[in-house]
Amino acid sequence: MTFFLVETYIVKPDKLGEFLAYHNKWIEWWNKNPEVCKEITSNRLFRHRFGGNFGGMVEMTEYESLAESEKCLNKMMKSDFVTTLYPEFLSLLLPGSYSMNMWSSVP
């Protein structure tokens, strides 16, 4: 069964440019650390373009199983991602807008 980690958040209106630069750093980090992220099947970032909240983002990360997602997230929390990129990510978000949910596919 496929699982999706779905994160939603709103980027501060004056930080959209910085967020796009951060997203490129995240992709570079991901490519340089394949052992940390090897459980990820796919990752997509969606931006609200019409309606919704200005600066709203939805990020969906796909895993083959719940166990694979736990393994990957545990490795990320032990990596330099937590001390280098994650604080930058949080500084770009509107306070209180972040949520994380786990979804599963319907057979």
PDB file of N, CA and C in Angstrom:
ATOM      1  N   MET A   1       0.843  -1.174   0.000  1.00  0.00           N
ATOM      2  CA  MET A   1       0.000   0.000   0.000  1.00  0.00           C
ATOM      3  C   MET A   1       0.891   1.242   0.000  1.00  0.00           C
ATOM      4  N   THR A   2       0.564   2.211  -0.800  1.00  0.00           N
ATOM      5  CA  THR A   2       1.317   3.454  -0.888  1.00  0.00           C
ATOM      6  C   THR A   2       0.881   4.432   0.199  1.00  0.00           C
ATOM      7  N   PHE A   3       1.867   5.116   0.783  1.00  0.00           N
ATOM      8  CA  PHE A   3       1.611   6.134   1.800  1.00  0.00           C
ATOM      9  C   PHE A   3       2.170   7.470   1.326  1.00  0.00           C
ATOM     10  N   PHE A   4       1.447   8.537   1.650  1.00  0.00           N
ATOM     11  CA  PHE A   4       1.872   9.892   1.313  1.00  0.00           C
ATOM     12  C   PHE A   4       1.981  10.723   2.577  1.00  0.00           C
ATOM     13  N   LEU A   5       3.129  11.324   2.788  1.00  0.00           N
ATOM     14  CA  LEU A   5       3.295  12.315   3.829  1.00  0.00           C
ATOM     15  C   LEU A   5       2.887  13.638   3.188  1.00  0.00           C
ATOM     16  N   VAL A   6       1.813  14.247   3.686  1.00  0.00           N
ATOM     17  CA  VAL A   6       1.270  15.467   3.098  1.00  0.00           C
ATOM     18  C   VAL A   6       1.507  16.616   4.077  1.00  0.00           C
ATOM     19  N   GLU A   7       2.305  17.579   3.641  1.00  0.00           N
ATOM     20  CA  GLU A   7       2.608  18.740   4.452  1.00  0.00           C
ATOM     21  C   GLU A   7       1.965  19.962   3.796  1.00  0.00           C
ATOM     22  N   THR A   8       1.292  20.764   4.586  1.00  0.00           N
ATOM     23  CA  THR A   8       0.716  22.014   4.082  1.00  0.00           C
ATOM     24  C   THR A   8       1.260  23.157   4.923  1.00  0.00           C
ATOM     25  N   TYR A   9       1.491  24.274   4.269  1.00  0.00           N
ATOM     26  CA  TYR A   9       2.010  25.445   4.974  1.00  0.00           C
ATOM     27  C   TYR A   9       1.823  26.667   4.096  1.00  0.00           C
ATOM     28  N   ILE A  10       1.972  27.829   4.715  1.00  0.00           N
ATOM     29  CA  ILE A  10       1.878  29.099   4.009  1.00  0.00           C
ATOM     30  C   ILE A  10       3.208  29.821   4.168  1.00  0.00           C
ATOM     31  N   VAL A  11       3.783  30.196   3.045  1.00  0.00           N
ATOM     32  CA  VAL A  11       5.027  30.957   3.050  1.00  0.00           C
ATOM     33  C   VAL A  11       4.684  32.423   3.294  1.00  0.00           C
ATOM     34  N   LYS A  12       5.452  33.077   4.142  1.00  0.00           N
ATOM     35  CA  LYS A  12       5.245  34.503   4.418  1.00  0.00           C
ATOM     36  C   LYS A  12       5.258  35.262   3.084  1.00  0.00           C
ATOM     37  N   PRO A  13       4.316  36.208   2.913  1.00  0.00           N
ATOM     38  CA  PRO A  13       4.218  36.927   1.631  1.00  0.00           C
ATOM     39  C   PRO A  13       5.523  37.574   1.165  1.00  0.00           C
ATOM     40  N   ASP A  14       6.318  38.086   2.088  1.00  0.00           N
ATOM     41  CA  ASP A  14       7.568  38.744   1.704  1.00  0.00           C
ATOM     42  C   ASP A  14       8.739  37.772   1.569  1.00  0.00           C
ATOM     43  N   LYS A  15       8.481  36.468   1.707  1.00  0.00           N
ATOM     44  CA  LYS A  15       9.546  35.466   1.675  1.00  0.00           C
ATOM     45  C   LYS A  15       9.412  34.476   0.508  1.00  0.00           C
ATOM     46  N   LEU A  16       8.509  34.726  -0.454  1.00  0.00           N
ATOM     47  CA  LEU A  16       8.305  33.770  -1.546  1.00  0.00           C
ATOM     48  C   LEU A  16       9.571  33.545  -2.369  1.00  0.00           C
ATOM     49  N   GLY A  17      10.297  34.614  -2.673  1.00  0.00           N
ATOM     50  CA  GLY A  17      11.555  34.474  -3.421  1.00  0.00           C
ATOM     51  C   GLY A  17      12.578  33.657  -2.656  1.00  0.00           C
ATOM     52  N   GLU A  18      12.698  33.932  -1.356  1.00  0.00           N
ATOM     53  CA  GLU A  18      13.631  33.172  -0.523  1.00  0.00           C
ATOM     54  C   GLU A  18      13.208  31.710  -0.421  1.00  0.00           C
ATOM     55  N   PHE A  19      11.894  31.457  -0.413  1.00  0.00           N
ATOM     56  CA  PHE A  19      11.418  30.080  -0.342  1.00  0.00           C
ATOM     57  C   PHE A  19      11.834  29.297  -1.586  1.00  0.00           C
ATOM     58  N   LEU A  20      11.716  29.910  -2.749  1.00  0.00           N
ATOM     59  CA  LEU A  20      12.115  29.215  -3.979  1.00  0.00           C
ATOM     60  C   LEU A  20      13.605  28.907  -3.975  1.00  0.00           C
ATOM     61  N   ALA A  21      14.428  29.825  -3.457  1.00  0.00           N
ATOM     62  CA  ALA A  21      15.863  29.570  -3.310  1.00  0.00           C
ATOM     63  C   ALA A  21      16.098  28.441  -2.313  1.00  0.00           C
ATOM     64  N   TYR A  22      15.359  28.447  -1.198  1.00  0.00           N
ATOM     65  CA  TYR A  22      15.466  27.361  -0.220  1.00  0.00           C
ATOM     66  C   TYR A  22      15.105  26.022  -0.859  1.00  0.00           C
ATOM     67  N   HIS A  23      14.039  26.002  -1.651  1.00  0.00           N
ATOM     68  CA  HIS A  23      13.601  24.747  -2.269  1.00  0.00           C
ATOM     69  C   HIS A  23      14.710  24.169  -3.159  1.00  0.00           C
ATOM     70  N   ASN A  24      15.442  25.026  -3.855  1.00  0.00           N
ATOM     71  CA  ASN A  24      16.575  24.552  -4.656  1.00  0.00           C
ATOM     72  C   ASN A  24      17.669  23.963  -3.776  1.00  0.00           C
ATOM     73  N   LYS A  25      17.912  24.578  -2.606  1.00  0.00           N
ATOM     74  CA  LYS A  25      18.892  24.028  -1.653  1.00  0.00           C
ATOM     75  C   LYS A  25      18.445  22.652  -1.172  1.00  0.00           C
ATOM     76  N   TRP A  26      17.133  22.502  -0.901  1.00  0.00           N
ATOM     77  CA  TRP A  26      16.593  21.222  -0.452  1.00  0.00           C
ATOM     78  C   TRP A  26      16.830  20.142  -1.512  1.00  0.00           C
ATOM     79  N   ILE A  27      16.587  20.454  -2.771  1.00  0.00           N
ATOM     80  CA  ILE A  27      16.795  19.494  -3.856  1.00  0.00           C
ATOM     81  C   ILE A  27      18.275  19.119  -3.957  1.00  0.00           C
ATOM     82  N   GLU A  28      19.164  20.108  -3.837  1.00  0.00           N
ATOM     83  CA  GLU A  28      20.607  19.827  -3.848  1.00  0.00           C
ATOM     84  C   GLU A  28      20.984  18.898  -2.698  1.00  0.00           C
ATOM     85  N   TRP A  29      20.452  19.190  -1.498  1.00  0.00           N
ATOM     86  CA  TRP A  29      20.758  18.350  -0.332  1.00  0.00           C
ATOM     87  C   TRP A  29      20.272  16.927  -0.571  1.00  0.00           C
ATOM     88  N   TRP A  30      19.050  16.800  -1.087  1.00  0.00           N
ATOM     89  CA  TRP A  30      18.456  15.494  -1.357  1.00  0.00           C
ATOM     90  C   TRP A  30      19.325  14.709  -2.333  1.00  0.00           C
ATOM     91  N   ASN A  31      19.797  15.356  -3.389  1.00  0.00           N
ATOM     92  CA  ASN A  31      20.634  14.688  -4.379  1.00  0.00           C
ATOM     93  C   ASN A  31      22.000  14.304  -3.826  1.00  0.00           C
ATOM     94  N   LYS A  32      22.517  15.073  -2.863  1.00  0.00           N
ATOM     95  CA  LYS A  32      23.821  14.784  -2.259  1.00  0.00           C
ATOM     96  C   LYS A  32      23.731  13.738  -1.145  1.00  0.00           C
ATOM     97  N   ASN A  33      22.528  13.434  -0.669  1.00  0.00           N
ATOM     98  CA  ASN A  33      22.338  12.502   0.441  1.00  0.00           C
ATOM     99  C   ASN A  33      21.364  11.385   0.065  1.00  0.00           C
ATOM    100  N   PRO A  34      21.673  10.638  -0.986  1.00  0.00           N
ATOM    101  CA  PRO A  34      20.723   9.613  -1.437  1.00  0.00           C
ATOM    102  C   PRO A  34      20.480   8.510  -0.406  1.00  0.00           C
ATOM    103  N   GLU A  35      21.456   8.265   0.461  1.00  0.00           N
ATOM    104  CA  GLU A  35      21.277   7.209   1.472  1.00  0.00           C
ATOM    105  C   GLU A  35      20.211   7.595   2.496  1.00  0.00           C
ATOM    106  N   VAL A  36      20.031   8.889   2.733  1.00  0.00           N
ATOM    107  CA  VAL A  36      19.032   9.351   3.698  1.00  0.00           C
ATOM    108  C   VAL A  36      17.635   9.262   3.097  1.00  0.00           C
ATOM    109  N   CYS A  37      17.537   9.538   1.811  1.00  0.00           N
ATOM    110  CA  CYS A  37      16.234   9.679   1.166  1.00  0.00           C
ATOM    111  C   CYS A  37      15.869   8.523   0.246  1.00  0.00           C
ATOM    112  N   LYS A  38      16.569   7.403   0.317  1.00  0.00           N
ATOM    113  CA  LYS A  38      16.331   6.338  -0.659  1.00  0.00           C
ATOM    114  C   LYS A  38      14.943   5.708  -0.557  1.00  0.00           C
ATOM    115  N   GLU A  39      14.272   5.847   0.559  1.00  0.00           N
ATOM    116  CA  GLU A  39      12.920   5.287   0.717  1.00  0.00           C
ATOM    117  C   GLU A  39      11.847   6.116   0.021  1.00  0.00           C
ATOM    118  N   ILE A  40      12.171   7.347  -0.355  1.00  0.00           N
ATOM    119  CA  ILE A  40      11.196   8.220  -1.008  1.00  0.00           C
ATOM    120  C   ILE A  40      10.980   7.760  -2.445  1.00  0.00           C
ATOM    121  N   THR A  41       9.716   7.477  -2.766  1.00  0.00           N
ATOM    122  CA  THR A  41       9.354   7.066  -4.118  1.00  0.00           C
ATOM    123  C   THR A  41       9.181   8.288  -5.012  1.00  0.00           C
ATOM    124  N   SER A  42       8.546   9.331  -4.499  1.00  0.00           N
ATOM    125  CA  SER A  42       8.389  10.583  -5.237  1.00  0.00           C
ATOM    126  C   SER A  42       8.137  11.717  -4.256  1.00  0.00           C
ATOM    127  N   ASN A  43       8.388  12.929  -4.730  1.00  0.00           N
ATOM    128  CA  ASN A  43       8.162  14.119  -3.915  1.00  0.00           C
ATOM    129  C   ASN A  43       7.694  15.219  -4.849  1.00  0.00           C
ATOM    130  N   ARG A  44       6.566  15.833  -4.525  1.00  0.00           N
ATOM    131  CA  ARG A  44       6.001  16.905  -5.351  1.00  0.00           C
ATOM    132  C   ARG A  44       5.619  18.076  -4.470  1.00  0.00           C
ATOM    133  N   LEU A  45       5.872  19.269  -4.976  1.00  0.00           N
ATOM    134  CA  LEU A  45       5.495  20.499  -4.287  1.00  0.00           C
ATOM    135  C   LEU A  45       4.489  21.229  -5.156  1.00  0.00           C
ATOM    136  N   PHE A  46       3.361  21.602  -4.567  1.00  0.00           N
ATOM    137  CA  PHE A  46       2.303  22.317  -5.264  1.00  0.00           C
ATOM    138  C   PHE A  46       2.113  23.678  -4.609  1.00  0.00           C
ATOM    139  N   ARG A  47       1.863  24.689  -5.444  1.00  0.00           N
ATOM    140  CA  ARG A  47       1.675  26.057  -4.960  1.00  0.00           C
ATOM    141  C   ARG A  47       0.276  26.526  -5.344  1.00  0.00           C
ATOM    142  N   HIS A  48      -0.439  27.111  -4.391  1.00  0.00           N
ATOM    143  CA  HIS A  48      -1.758  27.692  -4.706  1.00  0.00           C
ATOM    144  C   HIS A  48      -1.574  28.788  -5.738  1.00  0.00           C
ATOM    145  N   ARG A  49      -2.349  28.727  -6.783  1.00  0.00           N
ATOM    146  CA  ARG A  49      -2.270  29.744  -7.820  1.00  0.00           C
ATOM    147  C   ARG A  49      -3.557  30.550  -7.917  1.00  0.00           C
ATOM    148  N   PHE A  50      -4.663  29.967  -7.517  1.00  0.00           N
ATOM    149  CA  PHE A  50      -5.940  30.663  -7.610  1.00  0.00           C
ATOM    150  C   PHE A  50      -6.789  30.206  -6.442  1.00  0.00           C
ATOM    151  N   GLY A  51      -7.328  31.140  -5.700  1.00  0.00           N
ATOM    152  CA  GLY A  51      -8.105  30.786  -4.515  1.00  0.00           C
ATOM    153  C   GLY A  51      -7.190  30.338  -3.385  1.00  0.00           C
ATOM    154  N   GLY A  52      -7.769  29.893  -2.313  1.00  0.00           N
ATOM    155  CA  GLY A  52      -6.981  29.426  -1.178  1.00  0.00           C
ATOM    156  C   GLY A  52      -6.225  30.555  -0.515  1.00  0.00           C
ATOM    157  N   ASN A  53      -5.161  30.211   0.159  1.00  0.00           N
ATOM    158  CA  ASN A  53      -4.343  31.185   0.871  1.00  0.00           C
ATOM    159  C   ASN A  53      -3.135  31.572   0.028  1.00  0.00           C
ATOM    160  N   PHE A  54      -2.914  32.879  -0.125  1.00  0.00           N
ATOM    161  CA  PHE A  54      -1.745  33.342  -0.854  1.00  0.00           C
ATOM    162  C   PHE A  54      -0.488  32.785  -0.197  1.00  0.00           C
ATOM    163  N   GLY A  55       0.387  32.201  -0.977  1.00  0.00           N
ATOM    164  CA  GLY A  55       1.606  31.599  -0.439  1.00  0.00           C
ATOM    165  C   GLY A  55       1.401  30.186   0.057  1.00  0.00           C
ATOM    166  N   GLY A  56       0.215  29.622  -0.150  1.00  0.00           N
ATOM    167  CA  GLY A  56      -0.075  28.270   0.318  1.00  0.00           C
ATOM    168  C   GLY A  56       0.668  27.218  -0.492  1.00  0.00           C
ATOM    169  N   MET A  57       1.210  26.234   0.197  1.00  0.00           N
ATOM    170  CA  MET A  57       1.957  25.151  -0.432  1.00  0.00           C
ATOM    171  C   MET A  57       1.432  23.815   0.083  1.00  0.00           C
ATOM    172  N   VAL A  58       1.463  22.813  -0.786  1.00  0.00           N
ATOM    173  CA  VAL A  58       1.167  21.437  -0.404  1.00  0.00           C
ATOM    174  C   VAL A  58       2.322  20.599  -0.933  1.00  0.00           C
ATOM    175  N   GLU A  59       2.961  19.868  -0.039  1.00  0.00           N
ATOM    176  CA  GLU A  59       4.071  18.996  -0.424  1.00  0.00           C
ATOM    177  C   GLU A  59       3.661  17.558  -0.140  1.00  0.00           C
ATOM    178  N   MET A  60       3.821  16.705  -1.148  1.00  0.00           N
ATOM    179  CA  MET A  60       3.440  15.299  -1.008  1.00  0.00           C
ATOM    180  C   MET A  60       4.669  14.428  -1.252  1.00  0.00           C
ATOM    181  N   THR A  61       5.004  13.618  -0.263  1.00  0.00           N
ATOM    182  CA  THR A  61       6.137  12.706  -0.364  1.00  0.00           C
ATOM    183  C   THR A  61       5.599  11.288  -0.290  1.00  0.00           C
ATOM    184  N   GLU A  62       5.938  10.485  -1.286  1.00  0.00           N
ATOM    185  CA  GLU A  62       5.383   9.141  -1.424  1.00  0.00           C
ATOM    186  C   GLU A  62       6.374   8.084  -0.922  1.00  0.00           C
ATOM    187  N   TYR A  63       5.822   7.099  -0.211  1.00  0.00           N
ATOM    188  CA  TYR A  63       6.587   5.960   0.299  1.00  0.00           C
ATOM    189  C   TYR A  63       5.826   4.681  -0.023  1.00  0.00           C
ATOM    190  N   GLU A  64       6.538   3.583  -0.136  1.00  0.00           N
ATOM    191  CA  GLU A  64       5.913   2.292  -0.421  1.00  0.00           C
ATOM    192  C   GLU A  64       5.157   1.731   0.780  1.00  0.00           C
ATOM    193  N   SER A  65       5.603   2.115   1.984  1.00  0.00           N
ATOM    194  CA  SER A  65       4.951   1.599   3.190  1.00  0.00           C
ATOM    195  C   SER A  65       5.142   2.593   4.331  1.00  0.00           C
ATOM    196  N   LEU A  66       4.380   2.405   5.378  1.00  0.00           N
ATOM    197  CA  LEU A  66       4.518   3.249   6.561  1.00  0.00           C
ATOM    198  C   LEU A  66       5.891   3.037   7.203  1.00  0.00           C
ATOM    199  N   ALA A  67       6.361   1.803   7.200  1.00  0.00           N
ATOM    200  CA  ALA A  67       7.682   1.501   7.763  1.00  0.00           C
ATOM    201  C   ALA A  67       8.792   2.230   7.001  1.00  0.00           C
ATOM    202  N   GLU A  68       8.660   2.319   5.681  1.00  0.00           N
ATOM    203  CA  GLU A  68       9.651   3.032   4.870  1.00  0.00           C
ATOM    204  C   GLU A  68       9.648   4.525   5.212  1.00  0.00           C
ATOM    205  N   SER A  69       8.481   5.089   5.430  1.00  0.00           N
ATOM    206  CA  SER A  69       8.415   6.516   5.781  1.00  0.00           C
ATOM    207  C   SER A  69       9.069   6.759   7.145  1.00  0.00           C
ATOM    208  N   GLU A  70       8.814   5.879   8.098  1.00  0.00           N
ATOM    209  CA  GLU A  70       9.415   6.022   9.425  1.00  0.00           C
ATOM    210  C   GLU A  70      10.934   5.916   9.352  1.00  0.00           C
ATOM    211  N   LYS A  71      11.419   4.977   8.550  1.00  0.00           N
ATOM    212  CA  LYS A  71      12.861   4.792   8.402  1.00  0.00           C
ATOM    213  C   LYS A  71      13.499   6.055   7.822  1.00  0.00           C
ATOM    214  N   CYS A  72      12.893   6.599   6.784  1.00  0.00           N
ATOM    215  CA  CYS A  72      13.426   7.800   6.137  1.00  0.00           C
ATOM    216  C   CYS A  72      13.385   8.997   7.084  1.00  0.00           C
ATOM    217  N   LEU A  73      12.259   9.222   7.729  1.00  0.00           N
ATOM    218  CA  LEU A  73      12.141  10.367   8.632  1.00  0.00           C
ATOM    219  C   LEU A  73      13.113  10.266   9.799  1.00  0.00           C
ATOM    220  N   ASN A  74      13.335   9.059  10.313  1.00  0.00           N
ATOM    221  CA  ASN A  74      14.313   8.883  11.392  1.00  0.00           C
ATOM    222  C   ASN A  74      15.716   9.242  10.922  1.00  0.00           C
ATOM    223  N   LYS A  75      16.077   8.838   9.695  1.00  0.00           N
ATOM    224  CA  LYS A  75      17.397   9.175   9.163  1.00  0.00           C
ATOM    225  C   LYS A  75      17.531  10.676   8.947  1.00  0.00           C
ATOM    226  N   MET A  76      16.456  11.317   8.479  1.00  0.00           N
ATOM    227  CA  MET A  76      16.520  12.766   8.270  1.00  0.00           C
ATOM    228  C   MET A  76      16.716  13.504   9.590  1.00  0.00           C
ATOM    229  N   MET A  77      16.042  13.052  10.648  1.00  0.00           N
ATOM    230  CA  MET A  77      16.148  13.719  11.947  1.00  0.00           C
ATOM    231  C   MET A  77      17.544  13.564  12.558  1.00  0.00           C
ATOM    232  N   LYS A  78      18.287  12.560  12.111  1.00  0.00           N
ATOM    233  CA  LYS A  78      19.647  12.347  12.613  1.00  0.00           C
ATOM    234  C   LYS A  78      20.695  12.972  11.703  1.00  0.00           C
ATOM    235  N   SER A  79      20.279  13.519  10.567  1.00  0.00           N
ATOM    236  CA  SER A  79      21.217  14.079   9.599  1.00  0.00           C
ATOM    237  C   SER A  79      21.426  15.573   9.851  1.00  0.00           C
ATOM    238  N   ASP A  80      22.308  16.170   9.064  1.00  0.00           N
ATOM    239  CA  ASP A  80      22.554  17.604   9.186  1.00  0.00           C
ATOM    240  C   ASP A  80      21.393  18.439   8.655  1.00  0.00           C
ATOM    241  N   PHE A  81      20.411  17.831   8.036  1.00  0.00           N
ATOM    242  CA  PHE A  81      19.228  18.546   7.551  1.00  0.00           C
ATOM    243  C   PHE A  81      18.558  19.314   8.694  1.00  0.00           C
ATOM    244  N   VAL A  82      18.482  18.693   9.860  1.00  0.00           N
ATOM    245  CA  VAL A  82      17.785  19.295  11.008  1.00  0.00           C
ATOM    246  C   VAL A  82      18.490  20.566  11.488  1.00  0.00           C
ATOM    247  N   THR A  83      19.799  20.599  11.383  1.00  0.00           N
ATOM    248  CA  THR A  83      20.539  21.762  11.880  1.00  0.00           C
ATOM    249  C   THR A  83      20.845  22.793  10.803  1.00  0.00           C
ATOM    250  N   THR A  84      20.770  22.405   9.525  1.00  0.00           N
ATOM    251  CA  THR A  84      21.122  23.341   8.464  1.00  0.00           C
ATOM    252  C   THR A  84      19.895  23.867   7.723  1.00  0.00           C
ATOM    253  N   LEU A  85      19.134  22.992   7.090  1.00  0.00           N
ATOM    254  CA  LEU A  85      18.034  23.429   6.244  1.00  0.00           C
ATOM    255  C   LEU A  85      16.710  23.632   6.972  1.00  0.00           C
ATOM    256  N   TYR A  86      16.401  22.802   7.936  1.00  0.00           N
ATOM    257  CA  TYR A  86      15.089  22.867   8.582  1.00  0.00           C
ATOM    258  C   TYR A  86      14.826  24.205   9.278  1.00  0.00           C
ATOM    259  N   PRO A  87      15.794  24.760  10.017  1.00  0.00           N
ATOM    260  CA  PRO A  87      15.540  26.070  10.634  1.00  0.00           C
ATOM    261  C   PRO A  87      15.261  27.157   9.587  1.00  0.00           C
ATOM    262  N   GLU A  88      15.962  27.103   8.455  1.00  0.00           N
ATOM    263  CA  GLU A  88      15.709  28.069   7.385  1.00  0.00           C
ATOM    264  C   GLU A  88      14.289  27.912   6.844  1.00  0.00           C
ATOM    265  N   PHE A  89      13.868  26.664   6.638  1.00  0.00           N
ATOM    266  CA  PHE A  89      12.519  26.372   6.167  1.00  0.00           C
ATOM    267  C   PHE A  89      11.477  26.975   7.113  1.00  0.00           C
ATOM    268  N   LEU A  90      11.618  26.727   8.399  1.00  0.00           N
ATOM    269  CA  LEU A  90      10.651  27.220   9.377  1.00  0.00           C
ATOM    270  C   LEU A  90      10.601  28.742   9.421  1.00  0.00           C
ATOM    271  N   SER A  91      11.731  29.401   9.199  1.00  0.00           N
ATOM    272  CA  SER A  91      11.760  30.870   9.249  1.00  0.00           C
ATOM    273  C   SER A  91      10.999  31.511   8.093  1.00  0.00           C
ATOM    274  N   LEU A  92      10.722  30.745   7.037  1.00  0.00           N
ATOM    275  CA  LEU A  92      10.028  31.268   5.863  1.00  0.00           C
ATOM    276  C   LEU A  92       8.514  31.109   5.946  1.00  0.00           C
ATOM    277  N   LEU A  93       8.035  30.360   6.943  1.00  0.00           N
ATOM    278  CA  LEU A  93       6.614  30.042   7.037  1.00  0.00           C
ATOM    279  C   LEU A  93       5.853  31.002   7.935  1.00  0.00           C
ATOM    280  N   LEU A  94       4.589  31.186   7.594  1.00  0.00           N
ATOM    281  CA  LEU A  94       3.680  31.939   8.446  1.00  0.00           C
ATOM    282  C   LEU A  94       3.461  31.115   9.713  1.00  0.00           C
ATOM    283  N   PRO A  95       3.715  31.667  10.891  1.00  0.00           N
ATOM    284  CA  PRO A  95       3.561  30.892  12.132  1.00  0.00           C
ATOM    285  C   PRO A  95       2.165  30.275  12.243  1.00  0.00           C
ATOM    286  N   GLY A  96       2.126  29.045  12.663  1.00  0.00           N
ATOM    287  CA  GLY A  96       0.869  28.335  12.870  1.00  0.00           C
ATOM    288  C   GLY A  96       0.251  27.745  11.617  1.00  0.00           C
ATOM    289  N   SER A  97       0.909  27.875  10.473  1.00  0.00           N
ATOM    290  CA  SER A  97       0.305  27.395   9.225  1.00  0.00           C
ATOM    291  C   SER A  97       0.737  25.980   8.836  1.00  0.00           C
ATOM    292  N   TYR A  98       1.741  25.438   9.490  1.00  0.00           N
ATOM    293  CA  TYR A  98       2.292  24.139   9.098  1.00  0.00           C
ATOM    294  C   TYR A  98       1.451  22.981   9.645  1.00  0.00           C
ATOM    295  N   SER A  99       1.178  22.010   8.773  1.00  0.00           N
ATOM    296  CA  SER A  99       0.565  20.760   9.243  1.00  0.00           C
ATOM    297  C   SER A  99       1.174  19.592   8.486  1.00  0.00           C
ATOM    298  N   MET A 100       1.213  18.439   9.133  1.00  0.00           N
ATOM    299  CA  MET A 100       1.761  17.224   8.547  1.00  0.00           C
ATOM    300  C   MET A 100       0.757  16.103   8.782  1.00  0.00           C
ATOM    301  N   ASN A 101       0.419  15.378   7.716  1.00  0.00           N
ATOM    302  CA  ASN A 101      -0.528  14.277   7.807  1.00  0.00           C
ATOM    303  C   ASN A 101      -0.014  13.101   6.976  1.00  0.00           C
ATOM    304  N   MET A 102      -0.388  11.898   7.365  1.00  0.00           N
ATOM    305  CA  MET A 102      -0.038  10.703   6.600  1.00  0.00           C
ATOM    306  C   MET A 102      -1.319  10.181   5.950  1.00  0.00           C
ATOM    307  N   TRP A 103      -1.281  10.005   4.639  1.00  0.00           N
ATOM    308  CA  TRP A 103      -2.411   9.497   3.869  1.00  0.00           C
ATOM    309  C   TRP A 103      -2.016   8.152   3.270  1.00  0.00           C
ATOM    310  N   SER A 104      -2.992   7.295   3.062  1.00  0.00           N
ATOM    311  CA  SER A 104      -2.719   6.022   2.377  1.00  0.00           C
ATOM    312  C   SER A 104      -3.602   5.927   1.146  1.00  0.00           C
ATOM    313  N   SER A 105      -3.120   5.174   0.166  1.00  0.00           N
ATOM    314  CA  SER A 105      -3.895   4.989  -1.053  1.00  0.00           C
ATOM    315  C   SER A 105      -5.070   4.051  -0.757  1.00  0.00           C
ATOM    316  N   VAL A 106      -6.122   4.192  -1.544  1.00  0.00           N
ATOM    317  CA  VAL A 106      -7.300   3.337  -1.399  1.00  0.00           C
ATOM    318  C   VAL A 106      -7.204   2.263  -2.466  1.00  0.00           C
ATOM    319  N   PRO A 107      -7.256   0.987  -2.043  1.00  0.00           N
ATOM    320  CA  PRO A 107      -7.133  -0.092  -3.048  1.00  0.00           C
ATOM    321  C   PRO A 107      -8.324  -0.154  -3.982  1.00  0.00           C
TER     322      PRO A 107
END
